[in-house]
Amino acid sequence: GFRYYVVTDCEFNSSKLNDIEFTQSYYYNKLEYVRFSSSVGKFVGYTEYGIKNAESWNNGQEVISSRGEKERYCFHNVGIFTESALTKS
């Protein structure tokens, strides 16, 4: 069978919003074909299909909503994770 999945990631070394990078990678059969990165600010395609998706998503609402995910998803969860880690150390 075929396998499609999405990996959402927040990389950080402090709880400051500027130090957080949000990425969302799309895979098909273990091959990443398109990715959104908050440091780039748009979708980037890695395969022919991914390039077509990136062009379409960068001209639509997908890129606008993805740009807000660093603040909505990462910043909120980094605060929870950092607080939890600090109270257990």
PDB file of N, CA and C in Angstrom:
ATOM      1  N   GLY A   1       0.799  -1.172   0.000  1.00  0.00           N
ATOM      2  CA  GLY A   1       0.000   0.000   0.000  1.00  0.00           C
ATOM      3  C   GLY A   1       0.850   1.247   0.000  1.00  0.00           C
ATOM      4  N   PHE A   2       0.190   2.356  -0.093  1.00  0.00           N
ATOM      5  CA  PHE A   2       0.843   3.654  -0.108  1.00  0.00           C
ATOM      6  C   PHE A   2       0.652   4.337   1.227  1.00  0.00           C
ATOM      7  N   ARG A   3       1.613   5.134   1.608  1.00  0.00           N
ATOM      8  CA  ARG A   3       1.572   5.772   2.909  1.00  0.00           C
ATOM      9  C   ARG A   3       1.771   7.283   2.738  1.00  0.00           C
ATOM     10  N   TYR A   4       0.822   8.054   3.285  1.00  0.00           N
ATOM     11  CA  TYR A   4       0.876   9.520   3.288  1.00  0.00           C
ATOM     12  C   TYR A   4       0.845   9.978   4.732  1.00  0.00           C
ATOM     13  N   TYR A   5       1.740  10.891   5.092  1.00  0.00           N
ATOM     14  CA  TYR A   5       1.711  11.427   6.445  1.00  0.00           C
ATOM     15  C   TYR A   5       2.354  12.811   6.486  1.00  0.00           C
ATOM     16  N   VAL A   6       2.038  13.531   7.556  1.00  0.00           N
ATOM     17  CA  VAL A   6       2.523  14.893   7.755  1.00  0.00           C
ATOM     18  C   VAL A   6       3.222  14.945   9.110  1.00  0.00           C
ATOM     19  N   VAL A   7       4.393  15.577   9.142  1.00  0.00           N
ATOM     20  CA  VAL A   7       5.143  15.744  10.382  1.00  0.00           C
ATOM     21  C   VAL A   7       5.209  17.231  10.700  1.00  0.00           C
ATOM     22  N   THR A   8       4.704  17.608  11.869  1.00  0.00           N
ATOM     23  CA  THR A   8       4.740  18.987  12.340  1.00  0.00           C
ATOM     24  C   THR A   8       5.775  19.075  13.443  1.00  0.00           C
ATOM     25  N   ASP A   9       6.640  20.090  13.364  1.00  0.00           N
ATOM     26  CA  ASP A   9       7.777  20.164  14.275  1.00  0.00           C
ATOM     27  C   ASP A   9       8.018  21.604  14.709  1.00  0.00           C
ATOM     28  N   CYS A  10       8.374  21.761  15.976  1.00  0.00           N
ATOM     29  CA  CYS A  10       8.797  23.048  16.515  1.00  0.00           C
ATOM     30  C   CYS A  10      10.212  22.857  17.071  1.00  0.00           C
ATOM     31  N   GLU A  11      11.172  23.523  16.487  1.00  0.00           N
ATOM     32  CA  GLU A  11      12.546  23.443  16.977  1.00  0.00           C
ATOM     33  C   GLU A  11      12.862  24.740  17.711  1.00  0.00           C
ATOM     34  N   PHE A  12      13.463  24.602  18.909  1.00  0.00           N
ATOM     35  CA  PHE A  12      13.728  25.791  19.700  1.00  0.00           C
ATOM     36  C   PHE A  12      14.884  25.550  20.648  1.00  0.00           C
ATOM     37  N   ASN A  13      15.540  26.650  21.041  1.00  0.00           N
ATOM     38  CA  ASN A  13      16.569  26.564  22.071  1.00  0.00           C
ATOM     39  C   ASN A  13      16.297  27.553  23.200  1.00  0.00           C
ATOM     40  N   SER A  14      15.175  28.233  23.126  1.00  0.00           N
ATOM     41  CA  SER A  14      14.691  29.087  24.210  1.00  0.00           C
ATOM     42  C   SER A  14      13.194  29.276  24.011  1.00  0.00           C
ATOM     43  N   SER A  15      12.531  29.886  24.972  1.00  0.00           N
ATOM     44  CA  SER A  15      11.090  30.093  24.844  1.00  0.00           C
ATOM     45  C   SER A  15      10.758  31.406  24.144  1.00  0.00           C
ATOM     46  N   LYS A  16      11.753  32.105  23.611  1.00  0.00           N
ATOM     47  CA  LYS A  16      11.501  33.340  22.862  1.00  0.00           C
ATOM     48  C   LYS A  16      10.972  32.994  21.479  1.00  0.00           C
ATOM     49  N   LEU A  17       9.979  33.728  21.040  1.00  0.00           N
ATOM     50  CA  LEU A  17       9.319  33.443  19.767  1.00  0.00           C
ATOM     51  C   LEU A  17      10.306  33.507  18.601  1.00  0.00           C
ATOM     52  N   ASN A  18      11.277  34.403  18.649  1.00  0.00           N
ATOM     53  CA  ASN A  18      12.243  34.535  17.555  1.00  0.00           C
ATOM     54  C   ASN A  18      13.158  33.321  17.430  1.00  0.00           C
ATOM     55  N   ASP A  19      13.321  32.548  18.493  1.00  0.00           N
ATOM     56  CA  ASP A  19      14.205  31.385  18.493  1.00  0.00           C
ATOM     57  C   ASP A  19      13.483  30.088  18.118  1.00  0.00           C
ATOM     58  N   ILE A  20      12.223  30.166  17.729  1.00  0.00           N
ATOM     59  CA  ILE A  20      11.430  28.987  17.406  1.00  0.00           C
ATOM     60  C   ILE A  20      11.264  28.894  15.890  1.00  0.00           C
ATOM     61  N   GLU A  21      11.437  27.681  15.356  1.00  0.00           N
ATOM     62  CA  GLU A  21      11.144  27.442  13.938  1.00  0.00           C
ATOM     63  C   GLU A  21      10.061  26.381  13.828  1.00  0.00           C
ATOM     64  N   PHE A  22       9.014  26.710  13.100  1.00  0.00           N
ATOM     65  CA  PHE A  22       7.918  25.790  12.827  1.00  0.00           C
ATOM     66  C   PHE A  22       8.126  25.191  11.446  1.00  0.00           C
ATOM     67  N   THR A  23       8.056  23.866  11.348  1.00  0.00           N
ATOM     68  CA  THR A  23       8.114  23.211  10.047  1.00  0.00           C
ATOM     69  C   THR A  23       6.976  22.195   9.957  1.00  0.00           C
ATOM     70  N   GLN A  24       6.472  22.055   8.753  1.00  0.00           N
ATOM     71  CA  GLN A  24       5.453  21.046   8.489  1.00  0.00           C
ATOM     72  C   GLN A  24       5.841  20.372   7.176  1.00  0.00           C
ATOM     73  N   SER A  25       6.188  19.085   7.282  1.00  0.00           N
ATOM     74  CA  SER A  25       6.672  18.327   6.132  1.00  0.00           C
ATOM     75  C   SER A  25       5.635  17.297   5.709  1.00  0.00           C
ATOM     76  N   TYR A  26       5.432  17.174   4.404  1.00  0.00           N
ATOM     77  CA  TYR A  26       4.469  16.248   3.821  1.00  0.00           C
ATOM     78  C   TYR A  26       5.230  15.122   3.125  1.00  0.00           C
ATOM     79  N   TYR A  27       4.853  13.878   3.455  1.00  0.00           N
ATOM     80  CA  TYR A  27       5.546  12.702   2.925  1.00  0.00           C
ATOM     81  C   TYR A  27       4.581  11.791   2.186  1.00  0.00           C
ATOM     82  N   TYR A  28       5.117  11.155   1.175  1.00  0.00           N
ATOM     83  CA  TYR A  28       4.400  10.097   0.473  1.00  0.00           C
ATOM     84  C   TYR A  28       5.392   8.971   0.235  1.00  0.00           C
ATOM     85  N   ASN A  29       5.072   7.789   0.751  1.00  0.00           N
ATOM     86  CA  ASN A  29       5.966   6.627   0.662  1.00  0.00           C
ATOM     87  C   ASN A  29       7.384   6.946   1.139  1.00  0.00           C
ATOM     88  N   LYS A  30       7.479   7.574   2.300  1.00  0.00           N
ATOM     89  CA  LYS A  30       8.735   7.903   2.982  1.00  0.00           C
ATOM     90  C   LYS A  30       9.560   8.975   2.280  1.00  0.00           C
ATOM     91  N   LEU A  31       9.017   9.614   1.252  1.00  0.00           N
ATOM     92  CA  LEU A  31       9.726  10.663   0.527  1.00  0.00           C
ATOM     93  C   LEU A  31       9.065  12.012   0.812  1.00  0.00           C
ATOM     94  N   GLU A  32       9.834  12.937   1.355  1.00  0.00           N
ATOM     95  CA  GLU A  32       9.299  14.283   1.604  1.00  0.00           C
ATOM     96  C   GLU A  32       9.136  14.985   0.262  1.00  0.00           C
ATOM     97  N   TYR A  33       7.923  15.451   0.004  1.00  0.00           N
ATOM     98  CA  TYR A  33       7.699  16.098  -1.282  1.00  0.00           C
ATOM     99  C   TYR A  33       7.421  17.596  -1.171  1.00  0.00           C
ATOM    100  N   VAL A  34       7.008  18.083  -0.005  1.00  0.00           N
ATOM    101  CA  VAL A  34       6.812  19.533   0.178  1.00  0.00           C
ATOM    102  C   VAL A  34       6.941  19.852   1.659  1.00  0.00           C
ATOM    103  N   ARG A  35       7.426  21.080   1.952  1.00  0.00           N
ATOM    104  CA  ARG A  35       7.619  21.494   3.348  1.00  0.00           C
ATOM    105  C   ARG A  35       7.317  22.987   3.484  1.00  0.00           C
ATOM    106  N   PHE A  36       6.675  23.313   4.620  1.00  0.00           N
ATOM    107  CA  PHE A  36       6.544  24.720   5.026  1.00  0.00           C
ATOM    108  C   PHE A  36       7.507  24.946   6.170  1.00  0.00           C
ATOM    109  N   SER A  37       8.266  26.031   6.101  1.00  0.00           N
ATOM    110  CA  SER A  37       9.176  26.419   7.172  1.00  0.00           C
ATOM    111  C   SER A  37       8.913  27.873   7.525  1.00  0.00           C
ATOM    112  N   SER A  38       8.788  28.155   8.822  1.00  0.00           N
ATOM    113  CA  SER A  38       8.528  29.533   9.238  1.00  0.00           C
ATOM    114  C   SER A  38       9.723  30.440   8.950  1.00  0.00           C
ATOM    115  N   SER A  39      10.922  29.885   8.892  1.00  0.00           N
ATOM    116  CA  SER A  39      12.092  30.722   8.591  1.00  0.00           C
ATOM    117  C   SER A  39      12.119  31.118   7.115  1.00  0.00           C
ATOM    118  N   VAL A  40      11.554  30.290   6.234  1.00  0.00           N
ATOM    119  CA  VAL A  40      11.464  30.621   4.809  1.00  0.00           C
ATOM    120  C   VAL A  40      10.189  31.412   4.547  1.00  0.00           C
ATOM    121  N   GLY A  41       9.108  31.066   5.261  1.00  0.00           N
ATOM    122  CA  GLY A  41       7.842  31.788   5.135  1.00  0.00           C
ATOM    123  C   GLY A  41       6.960  31.331   3.997  1.00  0.00           C
ATOM    124  N   LYS A  42       7.299  30.189   3.400  1.00  0.00           N
ATOM    125  CA  LYS A  42       6.482  29.668   2.307  1.00  0.00           C
ATOM    126  C   LYS A  42       6.729  28.173   2.159  1.00  0.00           C
ATOM    127  N   PHE A  43       5.940  27.538   1.301  1.00  0.00           N
ATOM    128  CA  PHE A  43       6.100  26.129   0.997  1.00  0.00           C
ATOM    129  C   PHE A  43       7.189  25.956  -0.056  1.00  0.00           C
ATOM    130  N   VAL A  44       7.973  24.897   0.095  1.00  0.00           N
ATOM    131  CA  VAL A  44       9.014  24.561  -0.870  1.00  0.00           C
ATOM    132  C   VAL A  44       8.801  23.114  -1.290  1.00  0.00           C
ATOM    133  N   GLY A  45       8.763  22.878  -2.597  1.00  0.00           N
ATOM    134  CA  GLY A  45       8.570  21.537  -3.123  1.00  0.00           C
ATOM    135  C   GLY A  45       9.894  20.864  -3.429  1.00  0.00           C
ATOM    136  N   TYR A  46       9.948  19.539  -3.221  1.00  0.00           N
ATOM    137  CA  TYR A  46      11.172  18.770  -3.450  1.00  0.00           C
ATOM    138  C   TYR A  46      11.030  17.748  -4.571  1.00  0.00           C
ATOM    139  N   THR A  47       9.819  17.523  -5.031  1.00  0.00           N
ATOM    140  CA  THR A  47       9.567  16.632  -6.161  1.00  0.00           C
ATOM    141  C   THR A  47       8.713  17.406  -7.158  1.00  0.00           C
ATOM    142  N   GLU A  48       8.486  16.824  -8.326  1.00  0.00           N
ATOM    143  CA  GLU A  48       7.650  17.491  -9.324  1.00  0.00           C
ATOM    144  C   GLU A  48       6.252  17.764  -8.759  1.00  0.00           C
ATOM    145  N   TYR A  49       5.686  16.769  -8.101  1.00  0.00           N
ATOM    146  CA  TYR A  49       4.368  16.925  -7.483  1.00  0.00           C
ATOM    147  C   TYR A  49       4.422  17.964  -6.357  1.00  0.00           C
ATOM    148  N   GLY A  50       5.485  17.935  -5.547  1.00  0.00           N
ATOM    149  CA  GLY A  50       5.641  18.881  -4.443  1.00  0.00           C
ATOM    150  C   GLY A  50       5.783  20.313  -4.917  1.00  0.00           C
ATOM    151  N   ILE A  51       6.493  20.509  -6.019  1.00  0.00           N
ATOM    152  CA  ILE A  51       6.665  21.859  -6.578  1.00  0.00           C
ATOM    153  C   ILE A  51       5.318  22.417  -7.032  1.00  0.00           C
ATOM    154  N   LYS A  52       4.496  21.576  -7.651  1.00  0.00           N
ATOM    155  CA  LYS A  52       3.158  22.013  -8.082  1.00  0.00           C
ATOM    156  C   LYS A  52       2.287  22.372  -6.880  1.00  0.00           C
ATOM    157  N   ASN A  53       2.347  21.533  -5.828  1.00  0.00           N
ATOM    158  CA  ASN A  53       1.595  21.832  -4.611  1.00  0.00           C
ATOM    159  C   ASN A  53       2.083  23.124  -3.976  1.00  0.00           C
ATOM    160  N   ALA A  54       3.390  23.306  -3.872  1.00  0.00           N
ATOM    161  CA  ALA A  54       3.956  24.507  -3.251  1.00  0.00           C
ATOM    162  C   ALA A  54       3.515  25.761  -3.988  1.00  0.00           C
ATOM    163  N   GLU A  55       3.539  25.730  -5.312  1.00  0.00           N
ATOM    164  CA  GLU A  55       3.103  26.894  -6.095  1.00  0.00           C
ATOM    165  C   GLU A  55       1.643  27.229  -5.808  1.00  0.00           C
ATOM    166  N   SER A  56       0.816  26.200  -5.777  1.00  0.00           N
ATOM    167  CA  SER A  56      -0.607  26.406  -5.514  1.00  0.00           C
ATOM    168  C   SER A  56      -0.838  26.913  -4.093  1.00  0.00           C
ATOM    169  N   TRP A  57      -0.208  26.278  -3.106  1.00  0.00           N
ATOM    170  CA  TRP A  57      -0.404  26.652  -1.710  1.00  0.00           C
ATOM    171  C   TRP A  57       0.175  28.024  -1.395  1.00  0.00           C
ATOM    172  N   ASN A  58       1.253  28.414  -2.047  1.00  0.00           N
ATOM    173  CA  ASN A  58       1.849  29.735  -1.806  1.00  0.00           C
ATOM    174  C   ASN A  58       1.013  30.866  -2.388  1.00  0.00           C
ATOM    175  N   ASN A  59       0.080  30.525  -3.282  1.00  0.00           N
ATOM    176  CA  ASN A  59      -0.811  31.529  -3.860  1.00  0.00           C
ATOM    177  C   ASN A  59      -2.215  31.475  -3.254  1.00  0.00           C
ATOM    178  N   GLY A  60      -2.388  30.711  -2.192  1.00  0.00           N
ATOM    179  CA  GLY A  60      -3.709  30.563  -1.589  1.00  0.00           C
ATOM    180  C   GLY A  60      -3.691  30.815  -0.094  1.00  0.00           C
ATOM    181  N   GLN A  61      -4.776  30.405   0.548  1.00  0.00           N
ATOM    182  CA  GLN A  61      -4.938  30.601   1.983  1.00  0.00           C
ATOM    183  C   GLN A  61      -4.011  29.713   2.813  1.00  0.00           C
ATOM    184  N   GLU A  62      -3.517  28.622   2.228  1.00  0.00           N
ATOM    185  CA  GLU A  62      -2.671  27.689   2.972  1.00  0.00           C
ATOM    186  C   GLU A  62      -1.430  28.370   3.537  1.00  0.00           C
ATOM    187  N   VAL A  63      -0.784  29.214   2.734  1.00  0.00           N
ATOM    188  CA  VAL A  63       0.443  29.869   3.205  1.00  0.00           C
ATOM    189  C   VAL A  63       0.129  30.890   4.301  1.00  0.00           C
ATOM    190  N   ILE A  64      -1.000  31.546   4.207  1.00  0.00           N
ATOM    191  CA  ILE A  64      -1.375  32.548   5.216  1.00  0.00           C
ATOM    192  C   ILE A  64      -1.637  31.865   6.557  1.00  0.00           C
ATOM    193  N   SER A  65      -2.384  30.769   6.537  1.00  0.00           N
ATOM    194  CA  SER A  65      -2.662  30.070   7.796  1.00  0.00           C
ATOM    195  C   SER A  65      -1.407  29.403   8.355  1.00  0.00           C
ATOM    196  N   SER A  66      -0.530  28.905   7.501  1.00  0.00           N
ATOM    197  CA  SER A  66       0.700  28.260   7.973  1.00  0.00           C
ATOM    198  C   SER A  66       1.649  29.265   8.619  1.00  0.00           C
ATOM    199  N   ARG A  67       1.655  30.487   8.143  1.00  0.00           N
ATOM    200  CA  ARG A  67       2.522  31.516   8.739  1.00  0.00           C
ATOM    201  C   ARG A  67       2.135  31.824  10.173  1.00  0.00           C
ATOM    202  N   GLY A  68       0.887  31.607  10.546  1.00  0.00           N
ATOM    203  CA  GLY A  68       0.437  31.867  11.912  1.00  0.00           C
ATOM    204  C   GLY A  68       0.634  30.697  12.860  1.00  0.00           C
ATOM    205  N   GLU A  69       1.053  29.545  12.346  1.00  0.00           N
ATOM    206  CA  GLU A  69       1.180  28.355  13.178  1.00  0.00           C
ATOM    207  C   GLU A  69       2.320  28.447  14.192  1.00  0.00           C
ATOM    208  N   LYS A  70       3.363  29.172  13.884  1.00  0.00           N
ATOM    209  CA  LYS A  70       4.467  29.306  14.842  1.00  0.00           C
ATOM    210  C   LYS A  70       3.957  29.936  16.129  1.00  0.00           C
ATOM    211  N   GLU A  71       3.170  30.983  16.007  1.00  0.00           N
ATOM    212  CA  GLU A  71       2.628  31.650  17.184  1.00  0.00           C
ATOM    213  C   GLU A  71       1.542  30.806  17.847  1.00  0.00           C
ATOM    214  N   ARG A  72       0.642  30.237  17.045  1.00  0.00           N
ATOM    215  CA  ARG A  72      -0.488  29.506  17.587  1.00  0.00           C
ATOM    216  C   ARG A  72      -0.079  28.158  18.178  1.00  0.00           C
ATOM    217  N   TYR A  73       0.665  27.388  17.436  1.00  0.00           N
ATOM    218  CA  TYR A  73       0.986  26.017  17.840  1.00  0.00           C
ATOM    219  C   TYR A  73       2.279  25.941  18.644  1.00  0.00           C
ATOM    220  N   CYS A  74       3.360  26.453  18.093  1.00  0.00           N
ATOM    221  CA  CYS A  74       4.675  26.287  18.735  1.00  0.00           C
ATOM    222  C   CYS A  74       4.807  27.101  20.016  1.00  0.00           C
ATOM    223  N   PHE A  75       4.523  28.377  19.941  1.00  0.00           N
ATOM    224  CA  PHE A  75       4.763  29.240  21.102  1.00  0.00           C
ATOM    225  C   PHE A  75       3.977  28.749  22.308  1.00  0.00           C
ATOM    226  N   HIS A  76       2.743  28.353  22.079  1.00  0.00           N
ATOM    227  CA  HIS A  76       1.900  27.834  23.164  1.00  0.00           C
ATOM    228  C   HIS A  76       2.501  26.551  23.742  1.00  0.00           C
ATOM    229  N   ASN A  77       2.856  25.603  22.901  1.00  0.00           N
ATOM    230  CA  ASN A  77       3.348  24.310  23.368  1.00  0.00           C
ATOM    231  C   ASN A  77       4.765  24.384  23.919  1.00  0.00           C
ATOM    232  N   VAL A  78       5.599  25.261  23.396  1.00  0.00           N
ATOM    233  CA  VAL A  78       6.949  25.424  23.936  1.00  0.00           C
ATOM    234  C   VAL A  78       6.868  25.928  25.371  1.00  0.00           C
ATOM    235  N   GLY A  79       5.961  26.840  25.628  1.00  0.00           N
ATOM    236  CA  GLY A  79       5.778  27.331  26.992  1.00  0.00           C
ATOM    237  C   GLY A  79       5.377  26.217  27.941  1.00  0.00           C
ATOM    238  N   ILE A  80       4.468  25.357  27.526  1.00  0.00           N
ATOM    239  CA  ILE A  80       4.026  24.234  28.357  1.00  0.00           C
ATOM    240  C   ILE A  80       5.169  23.258  28.563  1.00  0.00           C
ATOM    241  N   PHE A  81       5.894  22.926  27.487  1.00  0.00           N
ATOM    242  CA  PHE A  81       6.995  21.964  27.575  1.00  0.00           C
ATOM    243  C   PHE A  81       8.116  22.495  28.464  1.00  0.00           C
ATOM    244  N   THR A  82       8.484  23.759  28.277  1.00  0.00           N
ATOM    245  CA  THR A  82       9.569  24.353  29.066  1.00  0.00           C
ATOM    246  C   THR A  82       9.203  24.382  30.539  1.00  0.00           C
ATOM    247  N   GLU A  83       7.992  24.794  30.871  1.00  0.00           N
ATOM    248  CA  GLU A  83       7.542  24.839  32.260  1.00  0.00           C
ATOM    249  C   GLU A  83       7.558  23.445  32.870  1.00  0.00           C
ATOM    250  N   SER A  84       7.077  22.459  32.130  1.00  0.00           N
ATOM    251  CA  SER A  84       7.051  21.087  32.614  1.00  0.00           C
ATOM    252  C   SER A  84       8.462  20.554  32.848  1.00  0.00           C
ATOM    253  N   ALA A  85       9.365  20.818  31.931  1.00  0.00           N
ATOM    254  CA  ALA A  85      10.738  20.332  32.060  1.00  0.00           C
ATOM    255  C   ALA A  85      11.456  21.004  33.223  1.00  0.00           C
ATOM    256  N   LEU A  86      11.217  22.285  33.413  1.00  0.00           N
ATOM    257  CA  LEU A  86      11.904  23.008  34.486  1.00  0.00           C
ATOM    258  C   LEU A  86      11.430  22.570  35.862  1.00  0.00           C
ATOM    259  N   THR A  87      10.156  22.222  35.994  1.00  0.00           N
ATOM    260  CA  THR A  87       9.650  21.829  37.320  1.00  0.00           C
ATOM    261  C   THR A  87      10.053  20.400  37.683  1.00  0.00           C
ATOM    262  N   LYS A  88      10.488  19.605  36.724  1.00  0.00           N
ATOM    263  CA  LYS A  88      10.885  18.220  36.996  1.00  0.00           C
ATOM    264  C   LYS A  88      12.386  18.062  37.125  1.00  0.00           C
ATOM    265  N   SER A  89      13.162  19.115  36.860  1.00  0.00           N
ATOM    266  CA  SER A  89      14.620  18.963  36.920  1.00  0.00           C
ATOM    267  C   SER A  89      15.163  19.281  38.297  1.00  0.00           C
TER     268      SER A  89
END
